[in-house]
Amino acid sequence: MKVTLTIPDAQIENVLESASSTDWARIIRYEVAKTLKGHDAIVLEDWGDENESQGRHRVTKSSIAKGIAILAEKYPHLFEQIINENTTDMYSGDYLLQCAVFGELKYS
């Protein structure tokens, strides 16, 4: 059964803000437009488990939507945290970013 769920942008923005202390990536710039709190994309630098950069990733509203779908399919208990605002923490945002960038949890 396929179910469609609308999650308000503000709720996703709150989840992403909670990921600001992620260990594997740092936000290096925002690309301006009209999504993601006035930004079209967030550009992350991936530090992974290393002491030097592993590359950069551009996170867009589209990749975030794909990340949410991956969470719902592969990690439903984590998806539940995203849609239930009362349980959102820094890990929720981190896991959403990982699924948006890598299509899976790479650093957990």
N, C-alpha and C. Protein backbone atom coordinates (compact mmCIF):
# COMPACT_ATOMS: atom_id res chain seq x y z
N MET A 1 0.84 -1.17 0.00
CA MET A 1 0.00 0.00 0.00
C MET A 1 0.89 1.24 0.00
N LYS A 2 0.59 2.17 -0.87
CA LYS A 2 1.34 3.41 -0.95
C LYS A 2 0.55 4.50 -0.22
N VAL A 3 1.24 5.23 0.65
CA VAL A 3 0.62 6.30 1.41
C VAL A 3 1.42 7.57 1.15
N THR A 4 0.73 8.67 0.94
CA THR A 4 1.38 9.96 0.74
C THR A 4 1.19 10.80 2.00
N LEU A 5 2.28 11.41 2.45
CA LEU A 5 2.26 12.20 3.66
C LEU A 5 2.91 13.54 3.37
N THR A 6 2.27 14.61 3.79
CA THR A 6 2.83 15.94 3.64
C THR A 6 3.43 16.36 4.97
N ILE A 7 4.72 16.69 4.95
CA ILE A 7 5.41 17.16 6.14
C ILE A 7 5.72 18.63 5.91
N PRO A 8 5.27 19.51 6.80
CA PRO A 8 5.51 20.95 6.59
C PRO A 8 7.01 21.28 6.50
N ASP A 9 7.33 22.23 5.60
CA ASP A 9 8.73 22.65 5.44
C ASP A 9 9.34 23.07 6.77
N ALA A 10 8.58 23.77 7.59
CA ALA A 10 9.11 24.24 8.88
C ALA A 10 9.55 23.07 9.76
N GLN A 11 8.82 21.98 9.70
CA GLN A 11 9.17 20.81 10.48
C GLN A 11 10.48 20.20 9.99
N ILE A 12 10.66 20.11 8.67
CA ILE A 12 11.90 19.59 8.10
C ILE A 12 13.05 20.53 8.42
N GLU A 13 12.81 21.83 8.34
CA GLU A 13 13.86 22.79 8.67
C GLU A 13 14.32 22.63 10.12
N ASN A 14 13.37 22.38 11.02
CA ASN A 14 13.73 22.16 12.43
C ASN A 14 14.58 20.91 12.58
N VAL A 15 14.24 19.86 11.85
CA VAL A 15 15.01 18.62 11.91
C VAL A 15 16.43 18.87 11.39
N LEU A 16 16.54 19.59 10.27
CA LEU A 16 17.85 19.87 9.70
C LEU A 16 18.69 20.76 10.62
N GLU A 17 18.05 21.71 11.27
CA GLU A 17 18.79 22.56 12.21
C GLU A 17 19.37 21.74 13.35
N SER A 18 18.67 20.68 13.73
CA SER A 18 19.17 19.84 14.82
C SER A 18 20.41 19.07 14.40
N ALA A 19 20.68 18.98 13.09
CA ALA A 19 21.84 18.23 12.60
C ALA A 19 23.10 19.09 12.55
N SER A 20 23.03 20.30 13.04
CA SER A 20 24.18 21.21 12.92
C SER A 20 25.41 20.71 13.66
N SER A 21 25.24 19.76 14.57
CA SER A 21 26.39 19.26 15.32
C SER A 21 26.81 17.86 14.86
N THR A 22 26.48 17.51 13.62
CA THR A 22 26.86 16.20 13.09
C THR A 22 28.38 16.05 13.05
N ASP A 23 28.86 14.86 13.30
CA ASP A 23 30.31 14.61 13.34
C ASP A 23 30.94 14.47 11.97
N TRP A 24 30.19 14.05 10.97
CA TRP A 24 30.79 13.70 9.68
C TRP A 24 30.78 14.84 8.66
N ALA A 25 30.00 15.89 8.88
CA ALA A 25 29.91 16.94 7.88
C ALA A 25 29.77 18.31 8.53
N ARG A 26 30.20 19.31 7.79
CA ARG A 26 30.05 20.70 8.19
C ARG A 26 29.41 21.47 7.05
N ILE A 27 28.49 22.36 7.38
CA ILE A 27 27.88 23.22 6.36
C ILE A 27 28.93 24.25 5.97
N ILE A 28 29.22 24.33 4.67
CA ILE A 28 30.22 25.30 4.24
C ILE A 28 29.61 26.49 3.51
N ARG A 29 28.40 26.31 2.94
CA ARG A 29 27.71 27.47 2.36
C ARG A 29 26.26 27.11 2.07
N TYR A 30 25.49 28.17 1.91
CA TYR A 30 24.10 28.06 1.49
C TYR A 30 23.99 28.67 0.11
N GLU A 31 23.20 28.07 -0.74
CA GLU A 31 22.93 28.63 -2.06
C GLU A 31 21.52 29.21 -2.03
N VAL A 32 21.41 30.47 -2.29
CA VAL A 32 20.18 31.23 -2.05
C VAL A 32 19.12 30.97 -3.11
N ALA A 33 17.89 30.79 -2.64
CA ALA A 33 16.69 30.72 -3.47
C ALA A 33 15.49 30.78 -2.53
N LYS A 34 14.48 29.95 -2.76
CA LYS A 34 13.26 30.08 -1.97
C LYS A 34 12.86 28.80 -1.27
N THR A 35 13.78 27.97 -0.89
CA THR A 35 13.47 26.78 -0.13
C THR A 35 14.47 26.65 1.00
N LEU A 36 14.24 25.75 1.91
CA LEU A 36 15.16 25.50 3.02
C LEU A 36 15.54 26.80 3.72
N LYS A 37 14.52 27.46 4.28
CA LYS A 37 14.72 28.73 4.97
C LYS A 37 15.39 29.77 4.09
N GLY A 38 14.88 29.92 2.88
CA GLY A 38 15.43 30.92 1.97
C GLY A 38 16.63 30.46 1.19
N HIS A 39 16.97 29.20 1.30
CA HIS A 39 18.13 28.66 0.58
C HIS A 39 17.67 27.57 -0.38
N ASP A 40 18.30 27.52 -1.53
CA ASP A 40 18.00 26.49 -2.52
C ASP A 40 18.70 25.19 -2.17
N ALA A 41 19.89 25.31 -1.57
CA ALA A 41 20.65 24.11 -1.23
C ALA A 41 21.59 24.41 -0.08
N ILE A 42 21.96 23.35 0.59
CA ILE A 42 22.98 23.41 1.62
C ILE A 42 24.16 22.63 1.07
N VAL A 43 25.33 23.20 1.11
CA VAL A 43 26.52 22.48 0.65
C VAL A 43 27.29 22.03 1.88
N LEU A 44 27.50 20.72 1.96
CA LEU A 44 28.20 20.12 3.10
C LEU A 44 29.58 19.65 2.69
N GLU A 45 30.52 19.76 3.58
CA GLU A 45 31.82 19.14 3.38
C GLU A 45 31.86 17.90 4.25
N ASP A 46 32.11 16.76 3.62
CA ASP A 46 32.10 15.44 4.27
C ASP A 46 33.47 15.15 4.87
N TRP A 47 33.51 15.04 6.20
CA TRP A 47 34.75 14.69 6.89
C TRP A 47 34.77 13.23 7.29
N GLY A 48 33.62 12.58 7.23
CA GLY A 48 33.54 11.16 7.56
C GLY A 48 34.25 10.82 8.85
N ASP A 49 34.99 9.76 8.83
CA ASP A 49 35.76 9.34 10.00
C ASP A 49 37.22 9.74 9.86
N GLU A 50 37.51 10.65 8.95
CA GLU A 50 38.89 11.00 8.62
C GLU A 50 39.24 12.39 9.16
N ASN A 51 40.51 12.73 9.06
CA ASN A 51 40.98 14.05 9.48
C ASN A 51 41.08 15.02 8.31
N GLU A 52 40.66 14.59 7.13
CA GLU A 52 40.67 15.47 5.97
C GLU A 52 39.37 15.28 5.20
N SER A 53 39.05 16.26 4.40
CA SER A 53 37.79 16.26 3.66
C SER A 53 37.69 15.05 2.72
N GLN A 54 36.50 14.46 2.71
CA GLN A 54 36.21 13.33 1.83
C GLN A 54 35.40 13.77 0.61
N GLY A 55 35.06 15.06 0.55
CA GLY A 55 34.29 15.57 -0.59
C GLY A 55 33.18 16.50 -0.13
N ARG A 56 32.48 17.04 -1.10
CA ARG A 56 31.38 17.96 -0.82
C ARG A 56 30.09 17.39 -1.39
N HIS A 57 28.99 17.74 -0.75
CA HIS A 57 27.67 17.27 -1.17
C HIS A 57 26.71 18.45 -1.16
N ARG A 58 25.89 18.51 -2.18
CA ARG A 58 24.86 19.55 -2.30
C ARG A 58 23.53 18.92 -1.92
N VAL A 59 22.93 19.42 -0.86
CA VAL A 59 21.66 18.90 -0.36
C VAL A 59 20.55 19.87 -0.78
N THR A 60 19.61 19.35 -1.56
CA THR A 60 18.49 20.16 -2.07
C THR A 60 17.18 19.66 -1.48
N LYS A 61 16.13 20.38 -1.75
CA LYS A 61 14.81 19.95 -1.29
C LYS A 61 14.46 18.59 -1.89
N SER A 62 14.84 18.36 -3.13
CA SER A 62 14.59 17.08 -3.78
C SER A 62 15.35 15.94 -3.09
N SER A 63 16.62 16.17 -2.77
CA SER A 63 17.39 15.11 -2.11
C SER A 63 16.88 14.87 -0.69
N ILE A 64 16.38 15.91 -0.05
CA ILE A 64 15.79 15.73 1.28
C ILE A 64 14.53 14.87 1.19
N ALA A 65 13.71 15.12 0.16
CA ALA A 65 12.50 14.30 -0.04
C ALA A 65 12.88 12.83 -0.26
N LYS A 66 13.94 12.59 -1.04
CA LYS A 66 14.41 11.22 -1.24
C LYS A 66 14.92 10.62 0.06
N GLY A 67 15.62 11.44 0.85
CA GLY A 67 16.11 10.98 2.15
C GLY A 67 14.98 10.58 3.09
N ILE A 68 13.91 11.36 3.07
CA ILE A 68 12.75 11.04 3.91
C ILE A 68 12.12 9.72 3.45
N ALA A 69 12.01 9.52 2.13
CA ALA A 69 11.45 8.27 1.60
C ALA A 69 12.32 7.07 2.00
N ILE A 70 13.63 7.24 1.97
CA ILE A 70 14.55 6.17 2.37
C ILE A 70 14.39 5.86 3.86
N LEU A 71 14.29 6.91 4.67
CA LEU A 71 14.06 6.69 6.10
C LEU A 71 12.77 5.91 6.33
N ALA A 72 11.71 6.30 5.62
CA ALA A 72 10.42 5.63 5.79
C ALA A 72 10.50 4.16 5.41
N GLU A 73 11.23 3.86 4.34
CA GLU A 73 11.30 2.48 3.85
C GLU A 73 12.28 1.62 4.64
N LYS A 74 13.49 2.12 4.84
CA LYS A 74 14.55 1.31 5.44
C LYS A 74 14.67 1.44 6.96
N TYR A 75 14.29 2.60 7.48
CA TYR A 75 14.49 2.89 8.90
C TYR A 75 13.22 3.52 9.49
N PRO A 76 12.10 2.77 9.52
CA PRO A 76 10.83 3.36 9.94
C PRO A 76 10.84 3.95 11.35
N HIS A 77 11.63 3.39 12.25
CA HIS A 77 11.68 3.94 13.61
C HIS A 77 12.34 5.33 13.60
N LEU A 78 13.26 5.58 12.68
CA LEU A 78 13.87 6.90 12.55
C LEU A 78 12.94 7.86 11.82
N PHE A 79 12.21 7.36 10.83
CA PHE A 79 11.22 8.16 10.13
C PHE A 79 10.16 8.66 11.11
N GLU A 80 9.78 7.80 12.03
CA GLU A 80 8.79 8.18 13.04
C GLU A 80 9.27 9.38 13.86
N GLN A 81 10.56 9.44 14.13
CA GLN A 81 11.09 10.59 14.86
C GLN A 81 10.97 11.88 14.05
N ILE A 82 11.11 11.77 12.75
CA ILE A 82 10.99 12.95 11.88
C ILE A 82 9.57 13.49 11.88
N ILE A 83 8.59 12.60 11.78
CA ILE A 83 7.20 13.06 11.69
C ILE A 83 6.60 13.36 13.06
N ASN A 84 7.20 12.86 14.12
CA ASN A 84 6.75 13.15 15.47
C ASN A 84 7.67 14.19 16.06
N GLU A 85 7.27 15.45 15.98
CA GLU A 85 8.14 16.56 16.39
C GLU A 85 8.65 16.44 17.82
N ASN A 86 7.96 15.74 18.67
CA ASN A 86 8.36 15.66 20.07
C ASN A 86 9.59 14.79 20.30
N THR A 87 9.98 13.98 19.31
CA THR A 87 11.13 13.10 19.50
C THR A 87 12.31 13.46 18.60
N THR A 88 12.25 14.61 17.94
CA THR A 88 13.34 15.02 17.05
C THR A 88 14.54 15.46 17.88
N ASP A 89 15.71 14.96 17.49
CA ASP A 89 16.94 15.36 18.16
C ASP A 89 18.05 15.49 17.11
N MET A 90 19.29 15.74 17.54
CA MET A 90 20.37 15.94 16.58
C MET A 90 20.59 14.71 15.71
N TYR A 91 20.29 13.53 16.24
CA TYR A 91 20.48 12.31 15.45
C TYR A 91 19.45 12.22 14.32
N SER A 92 18.24 12.68 14.57
CA SER A 92 17.21 12.65 13.52
C SER A 92 17.66 13.44 12.31
N GLY A 93 18.16 14.64 12.53
CA GLY A 93 18.64 15.48 11.44
C GLY A 93 19.85 14.88 10.76
N ASP A 94 20.74 14.31 11.54
CA ASP A 94 21.93 13.67 10.99
C ASP A 94 21.55 12.50 10.10
N TYR A 95 20.65 11.65 10.56
CA TYR A 95 20.22 10.49 9.78
C TYR A 95 19.51 10.93 8.50
N LEU A 96 18.71 11.99 8.58
CA LEU A 96 18.04 12.51 7.39
C LEU A 96 19.09 12.99 6.38
N LEU A 97 20.09 13.73 6.83
CA LEU A 97 21.14 14.20 5.92
C LEU A 97 21.89 13.02 5.29
N GLN A 98 22.21 12.01 6.08
CA GLN A 98 22.93 10.86 5.53
C GLN A 98 22.11 10.16 4.44
N CYS A 99 20.82 9.98 4.69
CA CYS A 99 19.97 9.33 3.67
C CYS A 99 19.81 10.22 2.44
N ALA A 100 19.77 11.54 2.63
CA ALA A 100 19.67 12.46 1.50
C ALA A 100 20.95 12.46 0.67
N VAL A 101 22.10 12.32 1.31
CA VAL A 101 23.39 12.38 0.62
C VAL A 101 23.82 11.01 0.08
N PHE A 102 23.73 9.98 0.93
CA PHE A 102 24.29 8.67 0.59
C PHE A 102 23.24 7.61 0.23
N GLY A 103 21.98 7.88 0.52
CA GLY A 103 20.93 6.89 0.26
C GLY A 103 20.87 5.80 1.31
N GLU A 104 21.60 5.99 2.39
CA GLU A 104 21.64 5.03 3.50
C GLU A 104 22.33 5.67 4.69
N LEU A 105 22.34 4.97 5.81
CA LEU A 105 23.09 5.43 6.96
C LEU A 105 24.53 4.94 6.82
N LYS A 106 25.42 5.85 6.61
CA LYS A 106 26.83 5.52 6.42
C LYS A 106 27.61 5.68 7.72
N TYR A 107 27.25 6.70 8.49
CA TYR A 107 27.91 6.96 9.76
C TYR A 107 26.85 6.91 10.87
N SER A 108 26.78 5.82 11.56
CA SER A 108 25.77 5.74 12.63
C SER A 108 26.35 5.08 13.86
